[in-house]
């Protein structure tokens, strides 16, 4: 199975250890991983700001980099969802369709495609799990509290395989952290208050780490934690599952 590793630009620039952990984890699980070095931004920031027509170059480059791979895996729910819903090409329709149908967020790929049953990982800490909006409501990585369905969470299913981990839950399990990409720029005060509310619930649970599938949400929470000089750290789920 040849897997293309799609790394969001903010992960590449600010959290390269997340990219490395994702690569190592996929290789441990038997995947042949390819990292196209010419990949750039997927175009989500432009689309979220109402300028999707400016992302045509991103689409063209993305298709060029990933069109020949069996699967594309990304350690970010929001970027994965953008590609699934918005990648298109007037000249390479079949290639774009193939990519949209074969791009997966990391935990989604591990559960649905690889069907992982066990992991060789240890993380003896109390961890609060943050369910990011794009992953939950767009990719359906976990159930939503307002729906009358059987509760499930693909990320937490994997975390429960980690030796020594203690997972805690907030009262409002699927409330947004307030990041929302450009929302955190245009509505800074609201964004910060939402993040503080999320952190207050994790603090109440006495967690040592906060984890999730989107480093963007964790980056937002990390900024608030640092400003208040908190002892709580953030760690992407790929790092925990990989044993980092």
C-alpha atoms as a PDB file:
ATOM      1  CA  UNK A   1       0.000   0.000   0.000  1.00  0.00           C
ATOM      2  CA  UNK A   2       1.596   3.253  -1.162  1.00  0.00           C
ATOM      3  CA  UNK A   3       0.527   6.170   1.005  1.00  0.00           C
ATOM      4  CA  UNK A   4       1.169   9.815   0.256  1.00  0.00           C
ATOM      5  CA  UNK A   5       1.871  11.900   3.332  1.00  0.00           C
ATOM      6  CA  UNK A   6       0.072  15.243   3.139  1.00  0.00           C
ATOM      7  CA  UNK A   7       1.433  17.660   5.747  1.00  0.00           C
ATOM      8  CA  UNK A   8      -0.433  20.960   6.310  1.00  0.00           C
ATOM      9  CA  UNK A   9       1.722  24.058   5.947  1.00  0.00           C
ATOM     10  CA  UNK A  10       1.358  25.133   9.591  1.00  0.00           C
ATOM     11  CA  UNK A  11       2.453  21.675  10.782  1.00  0.00           C
ATOM     12  CA  UNK A  12       5.446  21.802   8.448  1.00  0.00           C
ATOM     13  CA  UNK A  13       6.478  25.222   9.735  1.00  0.00           C
ATOM     14  CA  UNK A  14       5.630  25.073  13.439  1.00  0.00           C
ATOM     15  CA  UNK A  15       5.164  21.432  14.462  1.00  0.00           C
ATOM     16  CA  UNK A  16       7.461  19.238  12.324  1.00  0.00           C
ATOM     17  CA  UNK A  17       7.549  16.592  15.067  1.00  0.00           C
ATOM     18  CA  UNK A  18       3.889  15.861  14.306  1.00  0.00           C
ATOM     19  CA  UNK A  19       4.775  15.160  10.684  1.00  0.00           C
ATOM     20  CA  UNK A  20       7.642  12.896  11.727  1.00  0.00           C
ATOM     21  CA  UNK A  21       5.445  11.015  14.207  1.00  0.00           C
ATOM     22  CA  UNK A  22       2.810  10.483  11.502  1.00  0.00           C
ATOM     23  CA  UNK A  23       5.428   9.135   9.097  1.00  0.00           C
ATOM     24  CA  UNK A  24       6.929   6.796  11.685  1.00  0.00           C
ATOM     25  CA  UNK A  25       3.534   5.525  12.805  1.00  0.00           C
ATOM     26  CA  UNK A  26       2.400   4.713   9.271  1.00  0.00           C
ATOM     27  CA  UNK A  27       5.670   2.916   8.545  1.00  0.00           C
ATOM     28  CA  UNK A  28       5.382   0.892  11.757  1.00  0.00           C
ATOM     29  CA  UNK A  29       1.972  -0.241  10.565  1.00  0.00           C
ATOM     30  CA  UNK A  30       3.368  -1.512   7.275  1.00  0.00           C
ATOM     31  CA  UNK A  31       2.690   1.358   4.881  1.00  0.00           C
ATOM     32  CA  UNK A  32       5.064   2.453   2.142  1.00  0.00           C
ATOM     33  CA  UNK A  33       5.032   6.197   2.704  1.00  0.00           C
ATOM     34  CA  UNK A  34       5.844   8.777   0.047  1.00  0.00           C
ATOM     35  CA  UNK A  35       6.342  12.439   0.919  1.00  0.00           C
ATOM     36  CA  UNK A  36       6.050  14.701  -2.148  1.00  0.00           C
ATOM     37  CA  UNK A  37       8.499  17.506  -1.430  1.00  0.00           C
ATOM     38  CA  UNK A  38       6.784  19.985  -3.755  1.00  0.00           C
ATOM     39  CA  UNK A  39       3.516  20.013  -1.819  1.00  0.00           C
ATOM     40  CA  UNK A  40       2.314  23.358  -0.490  1.00  0.00           C
ATOM     41  CA  UNK A  41      -0.839  24.749   1.136  1.00  0.00           C
ATOM     42  CA  UNK A  42      -4.053  22.933   0.179  1.00  0.00           C
ATOM     43  CA  UNK A  43      -5.848  26.260  -0.296  1.00  0.00           C
ATOM     44  CA  UNK A  44      -8.105  26.096   2.731  1.00  0.00           C
ATOM     45  CA  UNK A  45      -7.277  29.606   4.095  1.00  0.00           C
ATOM     46  CA  UNK A  46      -8.319  31.235   0.817  1.00  0.00           C
ATOM     47  CA  UNK A  47     -11.508  29.189   0.569  1.00  0.00           C
ATOM     48  CA  UNK A  48     -12.469  29.893   4.190  1.00  0.00           C
ATOM     49  CA  UNK A  49     -12.067  33.613   3.535  1.00  0.00           C
ATOM     50  CA  UNK A  50     -14.356  33.544   0.491  1.00  0.00           C
ATOM     51  CA  UNK A  51     -11.626  33.503  -2.155  1.00  0.00           C
ATOM     52  CA  UNK A  52     -11.668  29.904  -3.324  1.00  0.00           C
ATOM     53  CA  UNK A  53     -10.948  31.009  -6.889  1.00  0.00           C
ATOM     54  CA  UNK A  54      -7.463  31.993  -5.703  1.00  0.00           C
ATOM     55  CA  UNK A  55      -6.725  28.358  -4.770  1.00  0.00           C
ATOM     56  CA  UNK A  56      -6.650  26.999  -8.341  1.00  0.00           C
ATOM     57  CA  UNK A  57      -2.860  26.852  -8.239  1.00  0.00           C
ATOM     58  CA  UNK A  58      -3.012  24.913  -4.987  1.00  0.00           C
ATOM     59  CA  UNK A  59      -5.430  22.421  -6.554  1.00  0.00           C
ATOM     60  CA  UNK A  60      -3.220  21.937  -9.586  1.00  0.00           C
ATOM     61  CA  UNK A  61      -0.136  21.391  -7.452  1.00  0.00           C
ATOM     62  CA  UNK A  62      -1.942  19.027  -5.073  1.00  0.00           C
ATOM     63  CA  UNK A  63      -3.146  16.834  -7.914  1.00  0.00           C
ATOM     64  CA  UNK A  64       0.316  16.773  -9.477  1.00  0.00           C
ATOM     65  CA  UNK A  65       1.843  15.613  -6.196  1.00  0.00           C
ATOM     66  CA  UNK A  66      -0.701  12.993  -5.137  1.00  0.00           C
ATOM     67  CA  UNK A  67      -2.561  11.709  -8.214  1.00  0.00           C
ATOM     68  CA  UNK A  68      -0.612   8.441  -8.548  1.00  0.00           C
ATOM     69  CA  UNK A  69      -0.833   7.304  -4.921  1.00  0.00           C
ATOM     70  CA  UNK A  70      -3.207   4.700  -3.476  1.00  0.00           C
ATOM     71  CA  UNK A  71      -4.097   6.804  -0.438  1.00  0.00           C
ATOM     72  CA  UNK A  72      -3.306  10.254   0.921  1.00  0.00           C
ATOM     73  CA  UNK A  73      -3.079  10.611   4.712  1.00  0.00           C
ATOM     74  CA  UNK A  74      -3.034  13.873   6.650  1.00  0.00           C
ATOM     75  CA  UNK A  75      -2.666  14.607  10.400  1.00  0.00           C
ATOM     76  CA  UNK A  76      -5.354  17.293  10.208  1.00  0.00           C
ATOM     77  CA  UNK A  77      -9.102  16.979   9.959  1.00  0.00           C
ATOM     78  CA  UNK A  78      -9.704  20.472   8.589  1.00  0.00           C
ATOM     79  CA  UNK A  79      -7.217  20.213   5.726  1.00  0.00           C
ATOM     80  CA  UNK A  80      -8.437  16.713   4.887  1.00  0.00           C
ATOM     81  CA  UNK A  81     -12.039  17.905   4.763  1.00  0.00           C
ATOM     82  CA  UNK A  82     -11.104  20.820   2.516  1.00  0.00           C
ATOM     83  CA  UNK A  83      -9.479  18.484  -0.005  1.00  0.00           C
ATOM     84  CA  UNK A  84     -12.401  16.014   0.189  1.00  0.00           C
ATOM     85  CA  UNK A  85     -14.979  18.705  -0.522  1.00  0.00           C
ATOM     86  CA  UNK A  86     -13.214  21.317  -2.615  1.00  0.00           C
ATOM     87  CA  UNK A  87     -10.407  19.794  -4.676  1.00  0.00           C
ATOM     88  CA  UNK A  88     -11.348  20.051  -8.342  1.00  0.00           C
ATOM     89  CA  UNK A  89      -9.818  20.413 -11.768  1.00  0.00           C
ATOM     90  CA  UNK A  90     -11.287  21.176 -15.169  1.00  0.00           C
ATOM     91  CA  UNK A  91      -8.517  19.257 -16.929  1.00  0.00           C
ATOM     92  CA  UNK A  92      -7.919  16.367 -14.507  1.00  0.00           C
ATOM     93  CA  UNK A  93     -11.407  15.433 -13.355  1.00  0.00           C
ATOM     94  CA  UNK A  94     -10.710  11.724 -12.784  1.00  0.00           C
ATOM     95  CA  UNK A  95      -7.497  12.424 -10.880  1.00  0.00           C
ATOM     96  CA  UNK A  96      -9.203  14.967  -8.625  1.00  0.00           C
ATOM     97  CA  UNK A  97     -12.069  12.554  -7.979  1.00  0.00           C
ATOM     98  CA  UNK A  98      -9.622   9.775  -7.078  1.00  0.00           C
ATOM     99  CA  UNK A  99      -7.866  12.022  -4.573  1.00  0.00           C
ATOM    100  CA  UNK A 100     -11.093  13.237  -2.966  1.00  0.00           C
ATOM    101  CA  UNK A 101     -12.186   9.628  -2.488  1.00  0.00           C
ATOM    102  CA  UNK A 102      -8.824   8.442  -1.129  1.00  0.00           C
ATOM    103  CA  UNK A 103      -7.675  11.240   1.167  1.00  0.00           C
ATOM    104  CA  UNK A 104      -8.023  10.444   4.871  1.00  0.00           C
ATOM    105  CA  UNK A 105      -7.353  12.083   8.203  1.00  0.00           C
ATOM    106  CA  UNK A 106      -4.805   9.991  10.123  1.00  0.00           C
ATOM    107  CA  UNK A 107      -7.084   8.357  12.725  1.00  0.00           C
ATOM    108  CA  UNK A 108      -9.773   7.807  10.109  1.00  0.00           C
ATOM    109  CA  UNK A 109      -7.222   5.958   7.965  1.00  0.00           C
ATOM    110  CA  UNK A 110      -5.964   3.848  10.879  1.00  0.00           C
ATOM    111  CA  UNK A 111      -9.470   2.770  11.898  1.00  0.00           C
ATOM    112  CA  UNK A 112     -11.321   2.505   8.594  1.00  0.00           C
ATOM    113  CA  UNK A 113      -8.602   1.439   6.147  1.00  0.00           C
ATOM    114  CA  UNK A 114      -5.843  -0.265   8.150  1.00  0.00           C
ATOM    115  CA  UNK A 115      -8.337  -1.461  10.784  1.00  0.00           C
ATOM    116  CA  UNK A 116      -5.729  -1.230  13.523  1.00  0.00           C
ATOM    117  CA  UNK A 117      -6.419  -3.508  16.495  1.00  0.00           C
ATOM    118  CA  UNK A 118      -3.347  -2.843  18.657  1.00  0.00           C
ATOM    119  CA  UNK A 119      -0.568  -0.307  19.067  1.00  0.00           C
ATOM    120  CA  UNK A 120       2.854  -0.546  20.672  1.00  0.00           C
ATOM    121  CA  UNK A 121       2.709   2.739  22.543  1.00  0.00           C
ATOM    122  CA  UNK A 122       2.938   3.914  26.128  1.00  0.00           C
ATOM    123  CA  UNK A 123       1.858   7.287  27.530  1.00  0.00           C
ATOM    124  CA  UNK A 124       1.319   7.192  31.327  1.00  0.00           C
ATOM    125  CA  UNK A 125      -0.401  10.566  31.700  1.00  0.00           C
ATOM    126  CA  UNK A 126      -3.826  12.049  32.293  1.00  0.00           C
ATOM    127  CA  UNK A 127      -5.013  13.346  28.935  1.00  0.00           C
ATOM    128  CA  UNK A 128      -7.942  15.499  27.913  1.00  0.00           C
ATOM    129  CA  UNK A 129      -9.247  14.838  24.420  1.00  0.00           C
ATOM    130  CA  UNK A 130     -10.385  17.759  22.259  1.00  0.00           C
ATOM    131  CA  UNK A 131     -12.823  16.903  19.476  1.00  0.00           C
ATOM    132  CA  UNK A 132     -12.220  19.344  16.605  1.00  0.00           C
ATOM    133  CA  UNK A 133     -15.218  20.572  14.617  1.00  0.00           C
ATOM    134  CA  UNK A 134     -14.080  19.704  11.088  1.00  0.00           C
ATOM    135  CA  UNK A 135     -13.133  16.168  12.068  1.00  0.00           C
ATOM    136  CA  UNK A 136     -16.282  15.546  14.058  1.00  0.00           C
ATOM    137  CA  UNK A 137     -18.925  17.221  11.934  1.00  0.00           C
ATOM    138  CA  UNK A 138     -17.307  17.025   8.533  1.00  0.00           C
ATOM    139  CA  UNK A 139     -15.410  13.733   8.566  1.00  0.00           C
ATOM    140  CA  UNK A 140     -17.603  12.067  11.218  1.00  0.00           C
ATOM    141  CA  UNK A 141     -14.619  10.951  13.296  1.00  0.00           C
ATOM    142  CA  UNK A 142     -16.877  10.937  16.345  1.00  0.00           C
ATOM    143  CA  UNK A 143     -20.558  11.194  17.198  1.00  0.00           C
ATOM    144  CA  UNK A 144     -22.230  14.521  17.930  1.00  0.00           C
ATOM    145  CA  UNK A 145     -23.944  15.075  21.258  1.00  0.00           C
ATOM    146  CA  UNK A 146     -27.091  16.539  19.697  1.00  0.00           C
ATOM    147  CA  UNK A 147     -27.829  13.438  17.623  1.00  0.00           C
ATOM    148  CA  UNK A 148     -29.619  10.355  18.905  1.00  0.00           C
ATOM    149  CA  UNK A 149     -26.977   7.865  17.778  1.00  0.00           C
ATOM    150  CA  UNK A 150     -24.669   5.354  19.434  1.00  0.00           C
ATOM    151  CA  UNK A 151     -21.659   7.293  20.768  1.00  0.00           C
ATOM    152  CA  UNK A 152     -18.357   6.625  19.018  1.00  0.00           C
ATOM    153  CA  UNK A 153     -14.945   8.227  18.567  1.00  0.00           C
ATOM    154  CA  UNK A 154     -12.307   6.888  16.210  1.00  0.00           C
ATOM    155  CA  UNK A 155      -9.478   8.924  17.811  1.00  0.00           C
ATOM    156  CA  UNK A 156     -10.397   7.763  21.315  1.00  0.00           C
ATOM    157  CA  UNK A 157     -10.731   4.174  20.103  1.00  0.00           C
ATOM    158  CA  UNK A 158      -7.043   4.385  19.168  1.00  0.00           C
ATOM    159  CA  UNK A 159      -6.016   6.241  22.317  1.00  0.00           C
ATOM    160  CA  UNK A 160      -7.507   3.471  24.438  1.00  0.00           C
ATOM    161  CA  UNK A 161      -4.907   1.123  22.928  1.00  0.00           C
ATOM    162  CA  UNK A 162      -2.104   3.212  24.459  1.00  0.00           C
ATOM    163  CA  UNK A 163      -0.636   1.688  27.611  1.00  0.00           C
ATOM    164  CA  UNK A 164      -0.946   3.778  30.769  1.00  0.00           C
ATOM    165  CA  UNK A 165      -3.058   6.594  29.359  1.00  0.00           C
ATOM    166  CA  UNK A 166      -5.996   8.038  31.325  1.00  0.00           C
ATOM    167  CA  UNK A 167      -8.487   9.805  29.070  1.00  0.00           C
ATOM    168  CA  UNK A 168     -10.799  12.455  30.510  1.00  0.00           C
ATOM    169  CA  UNK A 169     -13.834  14.142  29.006  1.00  0.00           C
ATOM    170  CA  UNK A 170     -15.186  17.645  29.295  1.00  0.00           C
ATOM    171  CA  UNK A 171     -18.813  18.341  30.145  1.00  0.00           C
ATOM    172  CA  UNK A 172     -19.457  19.848  26.704  1.00  0.00           C
ATOM    173  CA  UNK A 173     -17.612  17.200  24.736  1.00  0.00           C
ATOM    174  CA  UNK A 174     -17.996  18.680  21.264  1.00  0.00           C
ATOM    175  CA  UNK A 175     -17.860  22.420  21.841  1.00  0.00           C
ATOM    176  CA  UNK A 176     -15.590  24.415  19.523  1.00  0.00           C
ATOM    177  CA  UNK A 177     -12.282  25.672  20.925  1.00  0.00           C
ATOM    178  CA  UNK A 178     -12.726  28.963  19.098  1.00  0.00           C
ATOM    179  CA  UNK A 179      -9.865  28.685  16.619  1.00  0.00           C
ATOM    180  CA  UNK A 180     -11.747  28.295  13.334  1.00  0.00           C
ATOM    181  CA  UNK A 181      -8.816  29.403  11.159  1.00  0.00           C
ATOM    182  CA  UNK A 182      -9.405  32.978  10.020  1.00  0.00           C
ATOM    183  CA  UNK A 183     -12.211  33.279  12.597  1.00  0.00           C
ATOM    184  CA  UNK A 184      -9.526  33.621  15.279  1.00  0.00           C
ATOM    185  CA  UNK A 185      -8.182  36.653  13.386  1.00  0.00           C
ATOM    186  CA  UNK A 186     -11.447  38.417  12.549  1.00  0.00           C
ATOM    187  CA  UNK A 187     -13.144  37.609  15.869  1.00  0.00           C
ATOM    188  CA  UNK A 188     -10.138  37.554  18.172  1.00  0.00           C
ATOM    189  CA  UNK A 189     -11.937  38.298  21.455  1.00  0.00           C
ATOM    190  CA  UNK A 190     -14.665  35.707  20.897  1.00  0.00           C
ATOM    191  CA  UNK A 191     -12.107  33.142  19.763  1.00  0.00           C
ATOM    192  CA  UNK A 192      -9.943  33.651  22.849  1.00  0.00           C
ATOM    193  CA  UNK A 193     -12.920  33.423  25.219  1.00  0.00           C
ATOM    194  CA  UNK A 194     -14.060  30.157  23.645  1.00  0.00           C
ATOM    195  CA  UNK A 195     -10.554  28.751  24.043  1.00  0.00           C
ATOM    196  CA  UNK A 196     -10.422  29.801  27.690  1.00  0.00           C
ATOM    197  CA  UNK A 197     -13.736  28.057  28.328  1.00  0.00           C
ATOM    198  CA  UNK A 198     -12.363  24.829  26.820  1.00  0.00           C
ATOM    199  CA  UNK A 199      -9.210  25.008  28.903  1.00  0.00           C
ATOM    200  CA  UNK A 200     -11.155  25.678  32.109  1.00  0.00           C
ATOM    201  CA  UNK A 201     -12.934  22.340  31.704  1.00  0.00           C
ATOM    202  CA  UNK A 202      -9.668  20.478  31.129  1.00  0.00           C
ATOM    203  CA  UNK A 203      -8.132  22.205  34.153  1.00  0.00           C
ATOM    204  CA  UNK A 204     -11.087  21.082  36.246  1.00  0.00           C
ATOM    205  CA  UNK A 205     -10.282  17.509  35.228  1.00  0.00           C
ATOM    206  CA  UNK A 206      -6.662  17.900  36.290  1.00  0.00           C
ATOM    207  CA  UNK A 207      -5.172  16.857  32.957  1.00  0.00           C
ATOM    208  CA  UNK A 208      -1.476  16.902  32.163  1.00  0.00           C
ATOM    209  CA  UNK A 209      -1.936  16.990  28.398  1.00  0.00           C
ATOM    210  CA  UNK A 210      -4.592  17.994  25.881  1.00  0.00           C
ATOM    211  CA  UNK A 211      -4.622  16.056  22.621  1.00  0.00           C
ATOM    212  CA  UNK A 212      -6.618  16.009  19.404  1.00  0.00           C
ATOM    213  CA  UNK A 213      -6.394  15.357  15.684  1.00  0.00           C
ATOM    214  CA  UNK A 214      -5.903  18.995  14.619  1.00  0.00           C
ATOM    215  CA  UNK A 215      -2.716  20.794  15.586  1.00  0.00           C
ATOM    216  CA  UNK A 216      -4.405  24.072  14.617  1.00  0.00           C
ATOM    217  CA  UNK A 217      -6.897  23.743  17.483  1.00  0.00           C
ATOM    218  CA  UNK A 218      -4.151  22.597  19.817  1.00  0.00           C
ATOM    219  CA  UNK A 219      -1.987  25.554  18.754  1.00  0.00           C
ATOM    220  CA  UNK A 220      -4.817  27.895  19.698  1.00  0.00           C
ATOM    221  CA  UNK A 221      -5.206  26.248  23.099  1.00  0.00           C
ATOM    222  CA  UNK A 222      -1.441  26.138  23.589  1.00  0.00           C
ATOM    223  CA  UNK A 223      -1.205  29.900  23.122  1.00  0.00           C
ATOM    224  CA  UNK A 224      -3.758  30.482  25.866  1.00  0.00           C
ATOM    225  CA  UNK A 225      -2.043  27.960  28.160  1.00  0.00           C
ATOM    226  CA  UNK A 226       1.330  29.642  27.710  1.00  0.00           C
ATOM    227  CA  UNK A 227      -0.073  33.090  28.421  1.00  0.00           C
ATOM    228  CA  UNK A 228      -1.446  31.916  31.738  1.00  0.00           C
ATOM    229  CA  UNK A 229       1.760  29.945  32.460  1.00  0.00           C
ATOM    230  CA  UNK A 230      -0.130  26.692  32.826  1.00  0.00           C
ATOM    231  CA  UNK A 231       1.586  23.354  33.440  1.00  0.00           C
ATOM    232  CA  UNK A 232      -0.727  21.669  30.914  1.00  0.00           C
ATOM    233  CA  UNK A 233       0.899  20.768  27.593  1.00  0.00           C
ATOM    234  CA  UNK A 234      -0.598  19.925  24.208  1.00  0.00           C
ATOM    235  CA  UNK A 235       0.405  16.947  22.071  1.00  0.00           C
ATOM    236  CA  UNK A 236      -0.965  15.808  18.733  1.00  0.00           C
ATOM    237  CA  UNK A 237      -2.534  12.356  18.746  1.00  0.00           C
ATOM    238  CA  UNK A 238       0.045  11.100  16.229  1.00  0.00           C
ATOM    239  CA  UNK A 239       2.814  11.665  18.778  1.00  0.00           C
ATOM    240  CA  UNK A 240       0.963   9.719  21.461  1.00  0.00           C
ATOM    241  CA  UNK A 241       0.031   6.830  19.181  1.00  0.00           C
ATOM    242  CA  UNK A 242       3.603   6.679  17.925  1.00  0.00           C
ATOM    243  CA  UNK A 243       4.969   6.568  21.476  1.00  0.00           C
ATOM    244  CA  UNK A 244       6.746   9.964  21.391  1.00  0.00           C
END
